Amino acid sequence: MSTLSTHVLDTQSGRPAAGVPITLETQTSSGEWRELARGTTNADGRVRDFLPAGTRLEPGTYRMTFHTGEYFRANSLKGFYPYVPVVFELASAEEHYHVPLLLSPFGFSTYRGS
């Protein structure tokens, strides 16, 4: 069964980004986005149990939106990006996928992690 995880690091502070709301959506055959899950990063910058128990991610296109504006405001920072949408394709329903986000008020980076 395919699993999905994420980790948000604040590169300005050099610490995990706690309190970042995240939304996961899947793209339907008609091109619309359908929400699958929501979560908020914990003190370690991770979301535990992001997907509901028994949820199987099938191959397809997904969008993970990191609501960074809320994080910046909560930490008295002025950020340039109010949210960061990361769109990715899952090729196999049998693999684990890790989508980390490296974040600062004026930039971000992401990659497929392990």
PDB file of N, CA and C in Angstrom:
ATOM      1  N   MET A   1       0.837  -1.173   0.000  1.00  0.00           N
ATOM      2  CA  MET A   1       0.000   0.000   0.000  1.00  0.00           C
ATOM      3  C   MET A   1       0.888   1.243   0.000  1.00  0.00           C
ATOM      4  N   SER A   2       0.576   2.207  -0.830  1.00  0.00           N
ATOM      5  CA  SER A   2       1.342   3.434  -0.927  1.00  0.00           C
ATOM      6  C   SER A   2       1.106   4.304   0.295  1.00  0.00           C
ATOM      7  N   THR A   3       2.193   4.844   0.849  1.00  0.00           N
ATOM      8  CA  THR A   3       2.086   5.759   1.978  1.00  0.00           C
ATOM      9  C   THR A   3       2.732   7.084   1.600  1.00  0.00           C
ATOM     10  N   LEU A   4       2.386   8.121   2.345  1.00  0.00           N
ATOM     11  CA  LEU A   4       2.851   9.467   2.051  1.00  0.00           C
ATOM     12  C   LEU A   4       3.237  10.150   3.352  1.00  0.00           C
ATOM     13  N   SER A   5       4.383  10.826   3.338  1.00  0.00           N
ATOM     14  CA  SER A   5       4.798  11.603   4.503  1.00  0.00           C
ATOM     15  C   SER A   5       5.373  12.931   4.039  1.00  0.00           C
ATOM     16  N   THR A   6       5.508  13.854   4.992  1.00  0.00           N
ATOM     17  CA  THR A   6       6.089  15.157   4.701  1.00  0.00           C
ATOM     18  C   THR A   6       6.825  15.656   5.941  1.00  0.00           C
ATOM     19  N   HIS A   7       7.693  16.621   5.711  1.00  0.00           N
ATOM     20  CA  HIS A   7       8.476  17.233   6.778  1.00  0.00           C
ATOM     21  C   HIS A   7       8.761  18.649   6.317  1.00  0.00           C
ATOM     22  N   VAL A   8       8.487  19.642   7.161  1.00  0.00           N
ATOM     23  CA  VAL A   8       8.736  21.039   6.799  1.00  0.00           C
ATOM     24  C   VAL A   8       9.831  21.581   7.704  1.00  0.00           C
ATOM     25  N   LEU A   9      10.885  22.102   7.077  1.00  0.00           N
ATOM     26  CA  LEU A   9      11.997  22.711   7.810  1.00  0.00           C
ATOM     27  C   LEU A   9      12.067  24.197   7.488  1.00  0.00           C
ATOM     28  N   ASP A  10      12.189  25.013   8.501  1.00  0.00           N
ATOM     29  CA  ASP A  10      12.346  26.447   8.351  1.00  0.00           C
ATOM     30  C   ASP A  10      13.844  26.712   8.208  1.00  0.00           C
ATOM     31  N   THR A  11      14.290  27.011   7.003  1.00  0.00           N
ATOM     32  CA  THR A  11      15.724  27.179   6.771  1.00  0.00           C
ATOM     33  C   THR A  11      16.255  28.495   7.333  1.00  0.00           C
ATOM     34  N   GLN A  12      15.382  29.451   7.606  1.00  0.00           N
ATOM     35  CA  GLN A  12      15.839  30.696   8.213  1.00  0.00           C
ATOM     36  C   GLN A  12      16.240  30.471   9.665  1.00  0.00           C
ATOM     37  N   SER A  13      15.422  29.697  10.386  1.00  0.00           N
ATOM     38  CA  SER A  13      15.720  29.451  11.794  1.00  0.00           C
ATOM     39  C   SER A  13      16.559  28.187  12.006  1.00  0.00           C
ATOM     40  N   GLY A  14      16.602  27.329  10.979  1.00  0.00           N
ATOM     41  CA  GLY A  14      17.322  26.074  11.103  1.00  0.00           C
ATOM     42  C   GLY A  14      16.593  25.065  11.967  1.00  0.00           C
ATOM     43  N   ARG A  15      15.272  25.217  12.064  1.00  0.00           N
ATOM     44  CA  ARG A  15      14.454  24.357  12.928  1.00  0.00           C
ATOM     45  C   ARG A  15      13.245  23.820  12.170  1.00  0.00           C
ATOM     46  N   PRO A  16      12.624  22.767  12.703  1.00  0.00           N
ATOM     47  CA  PRO A  16      11.383  22.275  12.096  1.00  0.00           C
ATOM     48  C   PRO A  16      10.313  23.381  12.128  1.00  0.00           C
ATOM     49  N   ALA A  17       9.462  23.392  11.132  1.00  0.00           N
ATOM     50  CA  ALA A  17       8.381  24.379  11.041  1.00  0.00           C
ATOM     51  C   ALA A  17       7.115  23.770  11.646  1.00  0.00           C
ATOM     52  N   ALA A  18       6.849  24.106  12.888  1.00  0.00           N
ATOM     53  CA  ALA A  18       5.656  23.612  13.581  1.00  0.00           C
ATOM     54  C   ALA A  18       4.464  24.508  13.271  1.00  0.00           C
ATOM     55  N   GLY A  19       3.296  23.900  13.119  1.00  0.00           N
ATOM     56  CA  GLY A  19       2.065  24.669  12.928  1.00  0.00           C
ATOM     57  C   GLY A  19       1.742  25.028  11.493  1.00  0.00           C
ATOM     58  N   VAL A  20       2.316  24.315  10.521  1.00  0.00           N
ATOM     59  CA  VAL A  20       2.007  24.580   9.113  1.00  0.00           C
ATOM     60  C   VAL A  20       0.817  23.711   8.702  1.00  0.00           C
ATOM     61  N   PRO A  21      -0.336  24.324   8.379  1.00  0.00           N
ATOM     62  CA  PRO A  21      -1.459  23.532   7.888  1.00  0.00           C
ATOM     63  C   PRO A  21      -1.156  23.015   6.479  1.00  0.00           C
ATOM     64  N   ILE A  22      -1.561  21.767   6.212  1.00  0.00           N
ATOM     65  CA  ILE A  22      -1.303  21.135   4.910  1.00  0.00           C
ATOM     66  C   ILE A  22      -2.589  20.472   4.425  1.00  0.00           C
ATOM     67  N   THR A  23      -2.861  20.623   3.142  1.00  0.00           N
ATOM     68  CA  THR A  23      -4.005  19.972   2.502  1.00  0.00           C
ATOM     69  C   THR A  23      -3.486  19.048   1.411  1.00  0.00           C
ATOM     70  N   LEU A  24      -4.031  17.837   1.335  1.00  0.00           N
ATOM     71  CA  LEU A  24      -3.693  16.883   0.277  1.00  0.00           C
ATOM     72  C   LEU A  24      -4.918  16.678  -0.603  1.00  0.00           C
ATOM     73  N   GLU A  25      -4.709  16.800  -1.918  1.00  0.00           N
ATOM     74  CA  GLU A  25      -5.791  16.608  -2.877  1.00  0.00           C
ATOM     75  C   GLU A  25      -5.338  15.670  -3.983  1.00  0.00           C
ATOM     76  N   THR A  26      -6.299  15.060  -4.646  1.00  0.00           N
ATOM     77  CA  THR A  26      -6.030  14.245  -5.827  1.00  0.00           C
ATOM     78  C   THR A  26      -6.750  14.873  -7.015  1.00  0.00           C
ATOM     79  N   GLN A  27      -6.146  14.737  -8.177  1.00  0.00           N
ATOM     80  CA  GLN A  27      -6.766  15.273  -9.389  1.00  0.00           C
ATOM     81  C   GLN A  27      -7.651  14.197 -10.010  1.00  0.00           C
ATOM     82  N   THR A  28      -8.903  14.553 -10.257  1.00  0.00           N
ATOM     83  CA  THR A  28      -9.851  13.608 -10.843  1.00  0.00           C
ATOM     84  C   THR A  28      -9.641  13.530 -12.354  1.00  0.00           C
ATOM     85  N   SER A  29     -10.312  12.577 -12.989  1.00  0.00           N
ATOM     86  CA  SER A  29     -10.187  12.411 -14.446  1.00  0.00           C
ATOM     87  C   SER A  29     -10.691  13.632 -15.210  1.00  0.00           C
ATOM     88  N   SER A  30     -11.551  14.444 -14.578  1.00  0.00           N
ATOM     89  CA  SER A  30     -12.047  15.658 -15.233  1.00  0.00           C
ATOM     90  C   SER A  30     -11.146  16.865 -14.969  1.00  0.00           C
ATOM     91  N   GLY A  31     -10.044  16.663 -14.224  1.00  0.00           N
ATOM     92  CA  GLY A  31      -9.110  17.752 -13.955  1.00  0.00           C
ATOM     93  C   GLY A  31      -9.413  18.534 -12.688  1.00  0.00           C
ATOM     94  N   GLU A  32     -10.490  18.206 -12.006  1.00  0.00           N
ATOM     95  CA  GLU A  32     -10.850  18.874 -10.747  1.00  0.00           C
ATOM     96  C   GLU A  32      -9.989  18.319  -9.615  1.00  0.00           C
ATOM     97  N   TRP A  33      -9.875  19.085  -8.536  1.00  0.00           N
ATOM     98  CA  TRP A  33      -9.136  18.639  -7.361  1.00  0.00           C
ATOM     99  C   TRP A  33     -10.125  18.223  -6.282  1.00  0.00           C
ATOM    100  N   ARG A  34      -9.867  17.056  -5.663  1.00  0.00           N
ATOM    101  CA  ARG A  34     -10.721  16.539  -4.590  1.00  0.00           C
ATOM    102  C   ARG A  34      -9.857  16.356  -3.345  1.00  0.00           C
ATOM    103  N   GLU A  35     -10.297  16.955  -2.229  1.00  0.00           N
ATOM    104  CA  GLU A  35      -9.525  16.876  -0.993  1.00  0.00           C
ATOM    105  C   GLU A  35      -9.566  15.469  -0.408  1.00  0.00           C
ATOM    106  N   LEU A  36      -8.379  15.006   0.021  1.00  0.00           N
ATOM    107  CA  LEU A  36      -8.252  13.696   0.662  1.00  0.00           C
ATOM    108  C   LEU A  36      -7.974  13.801   2.153  1.00  0.00           C
ATOM    109  N   ALA A  37      -7.192  14.813   2.545  1.00  0.00           N
ATOM    110  CA  ALA A  37      -6.779  14.908   3.947  1.00  0.00           C
ATOM    111  C   ALA A  37      -6.295  16.313   4.278  1.00  0.00           C
ATOM    112  N   ARG A  38      -6.296  16.593   5.577  1.00  0.00           N
ATOM    113  CA  ARG A  38      -5.751  17.834   6.126  1.00  0.00           C
ATOM    114  C   ARG A  38      -4.930  17.481   7.355  1.00  0.00           C
ATOM    115  N   GLY A  39      -3.938  18.277   7.615  1.00  0.00           N
ATOM    116  CA  GLY A  39      -3.141  18.077   8.815  1.00  0.00           C
ATOM    117  C   GLY A  39      -2.354  19.331   9.126  1.00  0.00           C
ATOM    118  N   THR A  40      -1.704  19.348  10.277  1.00  0.00           N
ATOM    119  CA  THR A  40      -0.868  20.464  10.697  1.00  0.00           C
ATOM    120  C   THR A  40       0.426  19.890  11.260  1.00  0.00           C
ATOM    121  N   THR A  41       1.544  20.470  10.872  1.00  0.00           N
ATOM    122  CA  THR A  41       2.828  19.953  11.327  1.00  0.00           C
ATOM    123  C   THR A  41       2.965  20.086  12.845  1.00  0.00           C
ATOM    124  N   ASN A  42       3.584  19.072  13.439  1.00  0.00           N
ATOM    125  CA  ASN A  42       3.816  19.066  14.882  1.00  0.00           C
ATOM    126  C   ASN A  42       5.133  19.783  15.204  1.00  0.00           C
ATOM    127  N   ALA A  43       5.578  19.678  16.437  1.00  0.00           N
ATOM    128  CA  ALA A  43       6.804  20.359  16.877  1.00  0.00           C
ATOM    129  C   ALA A  43       8.035  19.912  16.094  1.00  0.00           C
ATOM    130  N   ASP A  44       7.989  18.727  15.516  1.00  0.00           N
ATOM    131  CA  ASP A  44       9.093  18.213  14.706  1.00  0.00           C
ATOM    132  C   ASP A  44       8.919  18.537  13.222  1.00  0.00           C
ATOM    133  N   GLY A  45       7.901  19.326  12.875  1.00  0.00           N
ATOM    134  CA  GLY A  45       7.655  19.706  11.482  1.00  0.00           C
ATOM    135  C   GLY A  45       7.008  18.607  10.651  1.00  0.00           C
ATOM    136  N   ARG A  46       6.441  17.602  11.312  1.00  0.00           N
ATOM    137  CA  ARG A  46       5.837  16.455  10.613  1.00  0.00           C
ATOM    138  C   ARG A  46       4.339  16.379  10.921  1.00  0.00           C
ATOM    139  N   VAL A  47       3.631  15.662  10.073  1.00  0.00           N
ATOM    140  CA  VAL A  47       2.221  15.376  10.314  1.00  0.00           C
ATOM    141  C   VAL A  47       2.098  13.882  10.568  1.00  0.00           C
ATOM    142  N   ARG A  48       1.674  13.516  11.749  1.00  0.00           N
ATOM    143  CA  ARG A  48       1.471  12.099  12.082  1.00  0.00           C
ATOM    144  C   ARG A  48       0.099  11.676  11.571  1.00  0.00           C
ATOM    145  N   ASP A  49       0.015  10.468  11.038  1.00  0.00           N
ATOM    146  CA  ASP A  49      -1.261   9.937  10.544  1.00  0.00           C
ATOM    147  C   ASP A  49      -1.936  10.902   9.575  1.00  0.00           C
ATOM    148  N   PHE A  50      -1.173  11.366   8.588  1.00  0.00           N
ATOM    149  CA  PHE A  50      -1.703  12.329   7.620  1.00  0.00           C
ATOM    150  C   PHE A  50      -2.895  11.765   6.857  1.00  0.00           C
ATOM    151  N   LEU A  51      -2.780  10.531   6.413  1.00  0.00           N
ATOM    152  CA  LEU A  51      -3.876   9.906   5.678  1.00  0.00           C
ATOM    153  C   LEU A  51      -4.761   9.108   6.630  1.00  0.00           C
ATOM    154  N   PRO A  52      -6.058   9.138   6.414  1.00  0.00           N
ATOM    155  CA  PRO A  52      -6.943   8.308   7.240  1.00  0.00           C
ATOM    156  C   PRO A  52      -6.555   6.837   7.126  1.00  0.00           C
ATOM    157  N   ALA A  53      -6.724   6.092   8.211  1.00  0.00           N
ATOM    158  CA  ALA A  53      -6.387   4.663   8.230  1.00  0.00           C
ATOM    159  C   ALA A  53      -7.076   3.949   7.073  1.00  0.00           C
ATOM    160  N   GLY A  54      -6.322   3.112   6.381  1.00  0.00           N
ATOM    161  CA  GLY A  54      -6.881   2.335   5.280  1.00  0.00           C
ATOM    162  C   GLY A  54      -6.914   3.052   3.942  1.00  0.00           C
ATOM    163  N   THR A  55      -6.497   4.338   3.917  1.00  0.00           N
ATOM    164  CA  THR A  55      -6.490   5.078   2.660  1.00  0.00           C
ATOM    165  C   THR A  55      -5.372   4.551   1.771  1.00  0.00           C
ATOM    166  N   ARG A  56      -5.713   4.238   0.550  1.00  0.00           N
ATOM    167  CA  ARG A  56      -4.738   3.737  -0.414  1.00  0.00           C
ATOM    168  C   ARG A  56      -4.557   4.793  -1.499  1.00  0.00           C
ATOM    169  N   LEU A  57      -3.323   5.194  -1.718  1.00  0.00           N
ATOM    170  CA  LEU A  57      -3.037   6.158  -2.776  1.00  0.00           C
ATOM    171  C   LEU A  57      -2.764   5.395  -4.060  1.00  0.00           C
ATOM    172  N   GLU A  58      -3.585   5.625  -5.025  1.00  0.00           N
ATOM    173  CA  GLU A  58      -3.429   4.991  -6.330  1.00  0.00           C
ATOM    174  C   GLU A  58      -2.512   5.850  -7.197  1.00  0.00           C
ATOM    175  N   PRO A  59      -1.925   5.274  -8.249  1.00  0.00           N
ATOM    176  CA  PRO A  59      -1.154   6.102  -9.168  1.00  0.00           C
ATOM    177  C   PRO A  59      -2.016   7.255  -9.682  1.00  0.00           C
ATOM    178  N   GLY A  60      -1.400   8.416  -9.798  1.00  0.00           N
ATOM    179  CA  GLY A  60      -2.131   9.588 -10.269  1.00  0.00           C
ATOM    180  C   GLY A  60      -1.426  10.858  -9.863  1.00  0.00           C
ATOM    181  N   THR A  61      -2.112  11.974 -10.074  1.00  0.00           N
ATOM    182  CA  THR A  61      -1.565  13.295  -9.776  1.00  0.00           C
ATOM    183  C   THR A  61      -2.171  13.803  -8.474  1.00  0.00           C
ATOM    184  N   TYR A  62      -1.291  14.312  -7.616  1.00  0.00           N
ATOM    185  CA  TYR A  62      -1.699  14.801  -6.300  1.00  0.00           C
ATOM    186  C   TYR A  62      -1.153  16.204  -6.081  1.00  0.00           C
ATOM    187  N   ARG A  63      -1.809  16.926  -5.180  1.00  0.00           N
ATOM    188  CA  ARG A  63      -1.343  18.271  -4.813  1.00  0.00           C
ATOM    189  C   ARG A  63      -1.330  18.374  -3.295  1.00  0.00           C
ATOM    190  N   MET A  64      -0.166  18.720  -2.765  1.00  0.00           N
ATOM    191  CA  MET A  64      -0.019  18.969  -1.340  1.00  0.00           C
ATOM    192  C   MET A  64       0.192  20.477  -1.209  1.00  0.00           C
ATOM    193  N   THR A  65      -0.719  21.140  -0.511  1.00  0.00           N
ATOM    194  CA  THR A  65      -0.626  22.593  -0.345  1.00  0.00           C
ATOM    195  C   THR A  65      -0.219  22.911   1.084  1.00  0.00           C
ATOM    196  N   PHE A  66       0.910  23.579   1.208  1.00  0.00           N
ATOM    197  CA  PHE A  66       1.431  24.016   2.495  1.00  0.00           C
ATOM    198  C   PHE A  66       0.962  25.457   2.701  1.00  0.00           C
ATOM    199  N   HIS A  67       0.163  25.699   3.721  1.00  0.00           N
ATOM    200  CA  HIS A  67      -0.406  27.028   3.970  1.00  0.00           C
ATOM    201  C   HIS A  67       0.588  27.831   4.811  1.00  0.00           C
ATOM    202  N   THR A  68       1.616  28.312   4.135  1.00  0.00           N
ATOM    203  CA  THR A  68       2.770  28.932   4.781  1.00  0.00           C
ATOM    204  C   THR A  68       2.466  30.305   5.378  1.00  0.00           C
ATOM    205  N   GLY A  69       1.505  31.020   4.806  1.00  0.00           N
ATOM    206  CA  GLY A  69       1.156  32.334   5.345  1.00  0.00           C
ATOM    207  C   GLY A  69       0.725  32.254   6.795  1.00  0.00           C
ATOM    208  N   GLU A  70      -0.026  31.211   7.140  1.00  0.00           N
ATOM    209  CA  GLU A  70      -0.465  31.027   8.520  1.00  0.00           C
ATOM    210  C   GLU A  70       0.728  30.801   9.444  1.00  0.00           C
ATOM    211  N   TYR A  71       1.698  30.019   8.958  1.00  0.00           N
ATOM    212  CA  TYR A  71       2.913  29.766   9.737  1.00  0.00           C
ATOM    213  C   TYR A  71       3.695  31.056   9.954  1.00  0.00           C
ATOM    214  N   PHE A  72       3.883  31.838   8.879  1.00  0.00           N
ATOM    215  CA  PHE A  72       4.646  33.079   9.007  1.00  0.00           C
ATOM    216  C   PHE A  72       3.965  34.048   9.977  1.00  0.00           C
ATOM    217  N   ARG A  73       2.652  34.228   9.837  1.00  0.00           N
ATOM    218  CA  ARG A  73       1.930  35.144  10.733  1.00  0.00           C
ATOM    219  C   ARG A  73       2.037  34.688  12.189  1.00  0.00           C
ATOM    220  N   ALA A  74       1.893  33.391  12.428  1.00  0.00           N
ATOM    221  CA  ALA A  74       1.957  32.866  13.795  1.00  0.00           C
ATOM    222  C   ALA A  74       3.336  33.070  14.418  1.00  0.00           C
ATOM    223  N   ASN A  75       4.355  33.215  13.589  1.00  0.00           N
ATOM    224  CA  ASN A  75       5.727  33.407  14.069  1.00  0.00           C
ATOM    225  C   ASN A  75       6.223  34.831  13.863  1.00  0.00           C
ATOM    226  N   SER A  76       5.280  35.753  13.668  1.00  0.00           N
ATOM    227  CA  SER A  76       5.585  37.183  13.491  1.00  0.00           C
ATOM    228  C   SER A  76       6.594  37.436  12.383  1.00  0.00           C
ATOM    229  N   LEU A  77       6.441  36.688  11.282  1.00  0.00           N
ATOM    230  CA  LEU A  77       7.308  36.852  10.119  1.00  0.00           C
ATOM    231  C   LEU A  77       6.494  37.369   8.949  1.00  0.00           C
ATOM    232  N   LYS A  78       7.136  38.127   8.096  1.00  0.00           N
ATOM    233  CA  LYS A  78       6.505  38.589   6.866  1.00  0.00           C
ATOM    234  C   LYS A  78       7.020  37.695   5.749  1.00  0.00           C
ATOM    235  N   GLY A  79       6.153  36.871   5.206  1.00  0.00           N
ATOM    236  CA  GLY A  79       6.549  35.957   4.141  1.00  0.00           C
ATOM    237  C   GLY A  79       6.037  36.423   2.787  1.00  0.00           C
ATOM    238  N   PHE A  80       6.683  35.986   1.749  1.00  0.00           N
ATOM    239  CA  PHE A  80       6.307  36.336   0.381  1.00  0.00           C
ATOM    240  C   PHE A  80       5.290  35.359  -0.204  1.00  0.00           C
ATOM    241  N   TYR A  81       5.336  34.110   0.235  1.00  0.00           N
ATOM    242  CA  TYR A  81       4.471  33.048  -0.302  1.00  0.00           C
ATOM    243  C   TYR A  81       3.371  32.710   0.702  1.00  0.00           C
ATOM    244  N   PRO A  82       2.102  33.041   0.424  1.00  0.00           N
ATOM    245  CA  PRO A  82       1.025  32.718   1.353  1.00  0.00           C
ATOM    246  C   PRO A  82       0.729  31.221   1.414  1.00  0.00           C
ATOM    247  N   TYR A  83       1.041  30.529   0.345  1.00  0.00           N
ATOM    248  CA  TYR A  83       0.916  29.072   0.328  1.00  0.00           C
ATOM    249  C   TYR A  83       1.842  28.524  -0.749  1.00  0.00           C
ATOM    250  N   VAL A  84       2.200  27.245  -0.586  1.00  0.00           N
ATOM    251  CA  VAL A  84       3.089  26.580  -1.532  1.00  0.00           C
ATOM    252  C   VAL A  84       2.399  25.300  -2.006  1.00  0.00           C
ATOM    253  N   PRO A  85       1.912  25.287  -3.259  1.00  0.00           N
ATOM    254  CA  PRO A  85       1.328  24.061  -3.796  1.00  0.00           C
ATOM    255  C   PRO A  85       2.412  23.202  -4.448  1.00  0.00           C
ATOM    256  N   VAL A  86       2.475  21.946  -4.060  1.00  0.00           N
ATOM    257  CA  VAL A  86       3.440  21.020  -4.652  1.00  0.00           C
ATOM    258  C   VAL A  86       2.626  19.934  -5.351  1.00  0.00           C
ATOM    259  N   VAL A  87       2.741  19.884  -6.666  1.00  0.00           N
ATOM    260  CA  VAL A  87       2.001  18.908  -7.470  1.00  0.00           C
ATOM    261  C   VAL A  87       2.971  17.811  -7.883  1.00  0.00           C
ATOM    262  N   PHE A  88       2.556  16.553  -7.688  1.00  0.00           N
ATOM    263  CA  PHE A  88       3.449  15.426  -7.981  1.00  0.00           C
ATOM    264  C   PHE A  88       2.632  14.245  -8.479  1.00  0.00           C
ATOM    265  N   GLU A  89       3.318  13.325  -9.138  1.00  0.00           N
ATOM    266  CA  GLU A  89       2.680  12.124  -9.661  1.00  0.00           C
ATOM    267  C   GLU A  89       3.193  10.893  -8.940  1.00  0.00           C
ATOM    268  N   LEU A  90       2.269  10.046  -8.533  1.00  0.00           N
ATOM    269  CA  LEU A  90       2.623   8.762  -7.939  1.00  0.00           C
ATOM    270  C   LEU A  90       2.554   7.720  -9.042  1.00  0.00           C
ATOM    271  N   ALA A  91       3.648   7.015  -9.228  1.00  0.00           N
ATOM    272  CA  ALA A  91       3.723   6.026 -10.308  1.00  0.00           C
ATOM    273  C   ALA A  91       3.289   4.639  -9.857  1.00  0.00           C
ATOM    274  N   SER A  92       3.413   4.363  -8.564  1.00  0.00           N
ATOM    275  CA  SER A  92       3.125   3.022  -8.067  1.00  0.00           C
ATOM    276  C   SER A  92       2.319   3.108  -6.775  1.00  0.00           C
ATOM    277  N   ALA A  93       1.373   2.214  -6.638  1.00  0.00           N
ATOM    278  CA  ALA A  93       0.567   2.162  -5.413  1.00  0.00           C
ATOM    279  C   ALA A  93       1.280   1.386  -4.311  1.00  0.00           C
ATOM    280  N   GLU A  94       2.467   0.889  -4.593  1.00  0.00           N
ATOM    281  CA  GLU A  94       3.175   0.042  -3.626  1.00  0.00           C
ATOM    282  C   GLU A  94       4.364   0.735  -2.958  1.00  0.00           C
ATOM    283  N   GLU A  95       4.660   1.969  -3.319  1.00  0.00           N
ATOM    284  CA  GLU A  95       5.837   2.649  -2.786  1.00  0.00           C
ATOM    285  C   GLU A  95       5.483   3.639  -1.690  1.00  0.00           C
ATOM    286  N   HIS A  96       6.499   4.038  -0.920  1.00  0.00           N
ATOM    287  CA  HIS A  96       6.364   5.124   0.043  1.00  0.00           C
ATOM    288  C   HIS A  96       6.857   6.400  -0.643  1.00  0.00           C
ATOM    289  N   TYR A  97       6.128   7.489  -0.444  1.00  0.00           N
ATOM    290  CA  TYR A  97       6.504   8.782  -1.014  1.00  0.00           C
ATOM    291  C   TYR A  97       6.679   9.780   0.122  1.00  0.00           C
ATOM    292  N   HIS A  98       7.788  10.522   0.070  1.00  0.00           N
ATOM    293  CA  HIS A  98       8.081  11.548   1.067  1.00  0.00           C
ATOM    294  C   HIS A  98       8.268  12.865   0.333  1.00  0.00           C
ATOM    295  N   VAL A  99       7.483  13.874   0.710  1.00  0.00           N
ATOM    296  CA  VAL A  99       7.515  15.176   0.041  1.00  0.00           C
ATOM    297  C   VAL A  99       7.890  16.238   1.081  1.00  0.00           C
ATOM    298  N   PRO A 100       9.183  16.495   1.275  1.00  0.00           N
ATOM    299  CA  PRO A 100       9.604  17.506   2.240  1.00  0.00           C
ATOM    300  C   PRO A 100       9.584  18.915   1.632  1.00  0.00           C
ATOM    301  N   LEU A 101       9.486  19.898   2.513  1.00  0.00           N
ATOM    302  CA  LEU A 101       9.518  21.295   2.087  1.00  0.00           C
ATOM    303  C   LEU A 101      10.560  22.026   2.929  1.00  0.00           C
ATOM    304  N   LEU A 102      11.503  22.666   2.259  1.00  0.00           N
ATOM    305  CA  LEU A 102      12.471  23.550   2.905  1.00  0.00           C
ATOM    306  C   LEU A 102      11.942  24.959   2.695  1.00  0.00           C
ATOM    307  N   LEU A 103      11.738  25.695   3.768  1.00  0.00           N
ATOM    308  CA  LEU A 103      10.986  26.939   3.709  1.00  0.00           C
ATOM    309  C   LEU A 103      11.733  28.095   4.354  1.00  0.00           C
ATOM    310  N   SER A 104      11.664  29.260   3.721  1.00  0.00           N
ATOM    311  CA  SER A 104      12.099  30.514   4.330  1.00  0.00           C
ATOM    312  C   SER A 104      11.078  31.564   3.903  1.00  0.00           C
ATOM    313  N   PRO A 105      11.079  32.748   4.492  1.00  0.00           N
ATOM    314  CA  PRO A 105      10.075  33.743   4.121  1.00  0.00           C
ATOM    315  C   PRO A 105      10.097  34.141   2.642  1.00  0.00           C
ATOM    316  N   PHE A 106      11.246  33.999   1.981  1.00  0.00           N
ATOM    317  CA  PHE A 106      11.325  34.454   0.601  1.00  0.00           C
ATOM    318  C   PHE A 106      11.774  33.384  -0.379  1.00  0.00           C
ATOM    319  N   GLY A 107      11.645  32.130   0.015  1.00  0.00           N
ATOM    320  CA  GLY A 107      12.000  31.035  -0.893  1.00  0.00           C
ATOM    321  C   GLY A 107      11.589  29.699  -0.332  1.00  0.00           C
ATOM    322  N   PHE A 108      11.554  28.710  -1.213  1.00  0.00           N
ATOM    323  CA  PHE A 108      11.264  27.347  -0.781  1.00  0.00           C
ATOM    324  C   PHE A 108      11.848  26.367  -1.774  1.00  0.00           C
ATOM    325  N   SER A 109      11.998  25.130  -1.325  1.00  0.00           N
ATOM    326  CA  SER A 109      12.519  24.063  -2.161  1.00  0.00           C
ATOM    327  C   SER A 109      11.846  22.771  -1.727  1.00  0.00           C
ATOM    328  N   THR A 110      11.669  21.862  -2.668  1.00  0.00           N
ATOM    329  CA  THR A 110      11.093  20.573  -2.359  1.00  0.00           C
ATOM    330  C   THR A 110      11.757  19.512  -3.236  1.00  0.00           C
ATOM    331  N   TYR A 111      11.611  18.271  -2.848  1.00  0.00           N
ATOM    332  CA  TYR A 111      12.205  17.159  -3.605  1.00  0.00           C
ATOM    333  C   TYR A 111      11.509  15.881  -3.175  1.00  0.00           C
ATOM    334  N   ARG A 112      11.727  14.820  -3.889  1.00  0.00           N
ATOM    335  CA  ARG A 112      11.194  13.522  -3.451  1.00  0.00           C
ATOM    336  C   ARG A 112      12.207  12.916  -2.501  1.00  0.00           C
ATOM    337  N   GLY A 113      11.816  12.787  -1.265  1.00  0.00           N
ATOM    338  CA  GLY A 113      12.687  12.223  -0.254  1.00  0.00           C
ATOM    339  C   GLY A 113      12.474  10.728  -0.117  1.00  0.00           C
ATOM    340  N   SER A 114      13.050  10.164   0.922  1.00  0.00           N
ATOM    341  CA  SER A 114      12.920   8.721   1.136  1.00  0.00           C
ATOM    342  C   SER A 114      12.253   8.445   2.471  1.00  0.00           C
TER     343      SER A 114
END
